[in-house]
């Protein structure tokens, strides 16, 4: 009988640990199902290089010419993903 009680106790602990993870996955799945793209609110230089294939020099040039709006936080440049989406939509052919 002791083994059964230990097993039930173990299962309850696992359920408590896994519950929040399952809830988070369900929220993510719900957003994906609704067609919403999960993206960060801000991109960093590394993100722009990976996602758009931009070089460091191109990012700097776009910032200096005003093509790429940014916010500076110390030495970190942040780019509002919503503004970048607008730029991309306005340049569609």
N, C-alpha and C. Protein backbone atom coordinates (compact mmCIF):
# COMPACT_ATOMS: atom_id res chain seq x y z
N UNK A 1 0.83 -1.19 0.00
CA UNK A 1 0.00 0.00 0.00
C UNK A 1 0.88 1.26 0.00
N UNK A 2 2.04 1.19 0.62
CA UNK A 2 2.92 2.34 0.69
C UNK A 2 3.42 2.74 -0.70
N UNK A 3 3.68 1.76 -1.57
CA UNK A 3 4.15 2.07 -2.92
C UNK A 3 3.09 2.84 -3.69
N UNK A 4 1.85 2.47 -3.53
CA UNK A 4 0.77 3.15 -4.23
C UNK A 4 0.66 4.61 -3.78
N UNK A 5 0.79 4.86 -2.49
CA UNK A 5 0.72 6.23 -1.96
C UNK A 5 1.89 7.06 -2.47
N UNK A 6 3.09 6.46 -2.50
CA UNK A 6 4.26 7.17 -3.02
C UNK A 6 4.06 7.50 -4.50
N UNK A 7 3.52 6.53 -5.24
CA UNK A 7 3.28 6.72 -6.66
C UNK A 7 2.29 7.86 -6.89
N UNK A 8 1.21 7.88 -6.13
CA UNK A 8 0.20 8.95 -6.27
C UNK A 8 0.79 10.30 -5.91
N UNK A 9 1.59 10.33 -4.85
CA UNK A 9 2.24 11.56 -4.45
C UNK A 9 3.18 12.06 -5.55
N UNK A 10 3.94 11.15 -6.11
CA UNK A 10 4.85 11.49 -7.21
C UNK A 10 4.08 12.03 -8.40
N UNK A 11 2.99 11.39 -8.74
CA UNK A 11 2.19 11.83 -9.89
C UNK A 11 1.58 13.22 -9.65
N UNK A 12 1.17 13.50 -8.45
CA UNK A 12 0.62 14.82 -8.12
C UNK A 12 1.71 15.89 -8.26
N UNK A 13 2.90 15.59 -7.79
CA UNK A 13 4.01 16.54 -7.92
C UNK A 13 4.32 16.81 -9.39
N UNK A 14 4.33 15.77 -10.19
CA UNK A 14 4.61 15.92 -11.62
C UNK A 14 3.53 16.77 -12.28
N UNK A 15 2.29 16.54 -11.90
CA UNK A 15 1.18 17.30 -12.48
C UNK A 15 1.33 18.79 -12.14
N UNK A 16 1.74 19.09 -10.91
CA UNK A 16 1.94 20.48 -10.50
C UNK A 16 3.08 21.13 -11.27
N UNK A 17 4.14 20.35 -11.54
CA UNK A 17 5.28 20.89 -12.27
C UNK A 17 4.98 21.08 -13.76
N UNK A 18 4.26 20.15 -14.33
CA UNK A 18 4.00 20.17 -15.76
C UNK A 18 2.82 21.08 -16.12
N UNK A 19 1.92 21.30 -15.21
CA UNK A 19 0.73 22.11 -15.47
C UNK A 19 1.01 23.47 -16.09
N UNK A 20 1.90 24.28 -15.49
CA UNK A 20 2.18 25.60 -16.08
C UNK A 20 2.79 25.51 -17.48
N UNK A 21 3.61 24.50 -17.71
CA UNK A 21 4.22 24.32 -19.02
C UNK A 21 3.15 24.00 -20.06
N UNK A 22 2.25 23.13 -19.71
CA UNK A 22 1.16 22.77 -20.62
C UNK A 22 0.29 23.99 -20.92
N UNK A 23 0.00 24.79 -19.91
CA UNK A 23 -0.81 25.99 -20.10
C UNK A 23 -0.12 26.96 -21.06
N UNK A 24 1.18 27.14 -20.89
CA UNK A 24 1.94 28.04 -21.76
C UNK A 24 1.93 27.51 -23.20
N UNK A 25 2.13 26.23 -23.37
CA UNK A 25 2.10 25.63 -24.71
C UNK A 25 0.74 25.79 -25.36
N UNK A 26 -0.31 25.68 -24.57
CA UNK A 26 -1.66 25.86 -25.12
C UNK A 26 -1.87 27.30 -25.59
N UNK A 27 -1.33 28.28 -24.84
CA UNK A 27 -1.44 29.67 -25.26
C UNK A 27 -0.67 29.91 -26.56
N UNK A 28 0.52 29.34 -26.66
CA UNK A 28 1.31 29.48 -27.87
C UNK A 28 0.59 28.84 -29.05
N UNK A 29 0.06 27.65 -28.83
CA UNK A 29 -0.67 26.95 -29.89
C UNK A 29 -1.88 27.76 -30.33
N UNK A 30 -2.56 28.37 -29.38
CA UNK A 30 -3.73 29.18 -29.69
C UNK A 30 -3.35 30.36 -30.58
N UNK A 31 -2.23 31.03 -30.26
CA UNK A 31 -1.79 32.17 -31.07
C UNK A 31 -1.39 31.73 -32.47
N UNK A 32 -0.72 30.59 -32.56
CA UNK A 32 -0.33 30.08 -33.86
C UNK A 32 -1.56 29.73 -34.67
N UNK A 33 -2.54 29.11 -34.03
CA UNK A 33 -3.76 28.72 -34.71
C UNK A 33 -4.54 29.93 -35.23
N UNK A 34 -4.43 31.04 -34.53
CA UNK A 34 -5.12 32.26 -34.94
C UNK A 34 -4.37 33.00 -36.04
N UNK A 35 -3.21 32.47 -36.43
CA UNK A 35 -2.43 33.10 -37.49
C UNK A 35 -1.54 34.22 -37.01
N UNK A 36 -1.42 34.37 -35.72
CA UNK A 36 -0.55 35.42 -35.20
C UNK A 36 0.89 34.91 -35.19
N UNK A 37 1.79 35.78 -35.64
CA UNK A 37 3.20 35.42 -35.66
C UNK A 37 3.81 35.84 -34.33
N UNK A 38 4.50 34.91 -33.72
CA UNK A 38 5.17 35.23 -32.47
C UNK A 38 6.51 35.88 -32.80
N UNK A 39 6.64 37.13 -32.49
CA UNK A 39 7.89 37.83 -32.76
C UNK A 39 8.18 38.77 -31.60
N UNK A 40 9.43 39.11 -31.45
CA UNK A 40 9.75 40.02 -30.35
C UNK A 40 9.23 41.42 -30.63
N UNK A 41 9.08 42.20 -29.59
CA UNK A 41 8.63 43.58 -29.77
C UNK A 41 9.73 44.42 -30.40
N UNK A 42 10.98 44.10 -30.07
CA UNK A 42 12.13 44.80 -30.62
C UNK A 42 13.13 43.80 -31.19
N UNK A 43 13.75 44.20 -32.30
CA UNK A 43 14.86 43.43 -32.86
C UNK A 43 16.16 44.09 -32.42
N UNK A 44 17.22 43.29 -32.41
CA UNK A 44 18.56 43.82 -32.18
C UNK A 44 19.34 43.63 -33.47
N UNK A 45 20.57 44.16 -33.51
CA UNK A 45 21.38 44.06 -34.73
C UNK A 45 21.51 42.61 -35.20
N UNK A 46 21.77 41.70 -34.28
CA UNK A 46 21.95 40.29 -34.64
C UNK A 46 20.67 39.73 -35.28
N UNK A 47 19.52 40.15 -34.79
CA UNK A 47 18.25 39.69 -35.36
C UNK A 47 18.11 40.16 -36.81
N UNK A 48 18.44 41.43 -37.05
CA UNK A 48 18.33 41.98 -38.41
C UNK A 48 19.27 41.25 -39.37
N UNK A 49 20.44 40.90 -38.87
CA UNK A 49 21.39 40.17 -39.71
C UNK A 49 20.87 38.78 -40.06
N UNK A 50 20.32 38.09 -39.05
CA UNK A 50 19.82 36.73 -39.28
C UNK A 50 18.55 36.72 -40.12
N UNK A 51 17.59 37.55 -39.77
CA UNK A 51 16.27 37.52 -40.42
C UNK A 51 16.31 38.10 -41.83
N UNK A 52 16.99 39.25 -41.98
CA UNK A 52 16.95 39.96 -43.25
C UNK A 52 18.23 39.87 -44.05
N UNK A 53 19.26 39.26 -43.48
CA UNK A 53 20.53 39.11 -44.19
C UNK A 53 21.29 40.41 -44.36
N UNK A 54 21.10 41.34 -43.45
CA UNK A 54 21.78 42.63 -43.53
C UNK A 54 23.17 42.53 -42.92
N UNK A 55 24.10 43.31 -43.45
CA UNK A 55 25.44 43.37 -42.87
C UNK A 55 25.49 44.48 -41.83
N UNK A 56 26.54 44.50 -41.03
CA UNK A 56 26.71 45.56 -40.04
C UNK A 56 26.72 46.93 -40.71
N UNK A 57 27.47 47.04 -41.83
CA UNK A 57 27.57 48.33 -42.53
C UNK A 57 26.22 48.79 -43.06
N UNK A 58 25.43 47.88 -43.56
CA UNK A 58 24.11 48.24 -44.09
C UNK A 58 23.20 48.72 -42.96
N UNK A 59 23.24 48.05 -41.83
CA UNK A 59 22.42 48.46 -40.68
C UNK A 59 22.82 49.87 -40.24
N UNK A 60 24.11 50.12 -40.16
CA UNK A 60 24.60 51.45 -39.76
C UNK A 60 24.15 52.50 -40.76
N UNK A 61 24.30 52.20 -42.06
CA UNK A 61 23.90 53.14 -43.11
C UNK A 61 22.40 53.43 -43.03
N UNK A 62 21.58 52.40 -42.84
CA UNK A 62 20.14 52.59 -42.74
C UNK A 62 19.77 53.43 -41.52
N UNK A 63 20.48 53.24 -40.41
CA UNK A 63 20.21 54.08 -39.22
C UNK A 63 20.57 55.52 -39.50
N UNK A 64 21.75 55.75 -40.09
CA UNK A 64 22.24 57.11 -40.32
C UNK A 64 21.39 57.88 -41.32
N UNK A 65 20.84 57.17 -42.30
CA UNK A 65 20.02 57.84 -43.32
C UNK A 65 18.56 57.95 -42.92
N UNK A 66 18.19 57.35 -41.79
CA UNK A 66 16.81 57.44 -41.32
C UNK A 66 15.89 56.38 -41.90
N UNK A 67 16.44 55.47 -42.69
CA UNK A 67 15.61 54.39 -43.25
C UNK A 67 15.14 53.46 -42.15
N UNK A 68 16.00 53.24 -41.18
CA UNK A 68 15.73 52.28 -40.12
C UNK A 68 15.58 53.02 -38.78
N UNK A 69 14.33 53.19 -38.30
CA UNK A 69 14.14 53.86 -37.02
C UNK A 69 14.65 52.97 -35.88
N UNK A 70 15.21 53.60 -34.87
CA UNK A 70 15.79 52.83 -33.77
C UNK A 70 15.68 53.57 -32.46
N UNK A 71 15.90 52.81 -31.41
CA UNK A 71 16.02 53.35 -30.06
C UNK A 71 17.36 52.87 -29.54
N UNK A 72 18.07 53.75 -28.89
CA UNK A 72 19.37 53.37 -28.35
C UNK A 72 19.27 53.26 -26.84
N UNK A 73 19.77 52.15 -26.33
CA UNK A 73 19.79 51.91 -24.90
C UNK A 73 21.24 51.59 -24.54
N UNK A 74 21.97 52.63 -24.13
CA UNK A 74 23.41 52.44 -23.90
C UNK A 74 24.08 52.16 -25.22
N UNK A 75 24.76 51.02 -25.31
CA UNK A 75 25.43 50.62 -26.54
C UNK A 75 24.57 49.69 -27.40
N UNK A 76 23.34 49.47 -27.00
CA UNK A 76 22.46 48.54 -27.70
C UNK A 76 21.46 49.32 -28.55
N UNK A 77 21.35 48.92 -29.81
CA UNK A 77 20.37 49.51 -30.71
C UNK A 77 19.18 48.57 -30.79
N UNK A 78 17.99 49.12 -30.60
CA UNK A 78 16.75 48.35 -30.65
C UNK A 78 15.89 48.88 -31.78
N UNK A 79 15.26 47.97 -32.51
CA UNK A 79 14.44 48.32 -33.66
C UNK A 79 13.04 47.78 -33.44
N UNK A 80 12.07 48.65 -33.39
CA UNK A 80 10.67 48.28 -33.15
C UNK A 80 10.19 47.39 -34.29
N UNK A 81 9.81 46.17 -33.98
CA UNK A 81 9.40 45.22 -35.01
C UNK A 81 8.15 45.68 -35.75
N UNK A 82 7.27 46.38 -35.06
CA UNK A 82 6.07 46.91 -35.71
C UNK A 82 6.41 47.95 -36.78
N UNK A 83 7.37 48.82 -36.48
CA UNK A 83 7.79 49.84 -37.45
C UNK A 83 8.48 49.19 -38.64
N UNK A 84 9.26 48.15 -38.38
CA UNK A 84 9.92 47.45 -39.48
C UNK A 84 8.88 46.78 -40.37
N UNK A 85 7.85 46.20 -39.76
CA UNK A 85 6.75 45.61 -40.55
C UNK A 85 6.10 46.65 -41.45
N UNK A 86 5.88 47.86 -40.91
CA UNK A 86 5.27 48.94 -41.71
C UNK A 86 6.18 49.31 -42.88
N UNK A 87 7.48 49.40 -42.62
CA UNK A 87 8.44 49.74 -43.68
C UNK A 87 8.38 48.68 -44.79
N UNK A 88 8.37 47.42 -44.37
CA UNK A 88 8.33 46.33 -45.35
C UNK A 88 7.04 46.37 -46.16
N UNK A 89 5.90 46.61 -45.50
CA UNK A 89 4.63 46.68 -46.23
C UNK A 89 4.59 47.85 -47.19
N UNK A 90 5.16 49.00 -46.78
CA UNK A 90 5.13 50.17 -47.65
C UNK A 90 6.04 50.03 -48.85
N UNK A 91 6.99 49.11 -48.79
CA UNK A 91 7.92 48.90 -49.91
C UNK A 91 7.56 47.69 -50.76
N UNK A 92 6.40 47.09 -50.51
CA UNK A 92 5.97 45.95 -51.32
C UNK A 92 5.72 46.40 -52.76
N UNK A 93 6.05 45.55 -53.71
CA UNK A 93 5.79 45.90 -55.12
C UNK A 93 4.50 45.30 -55.58
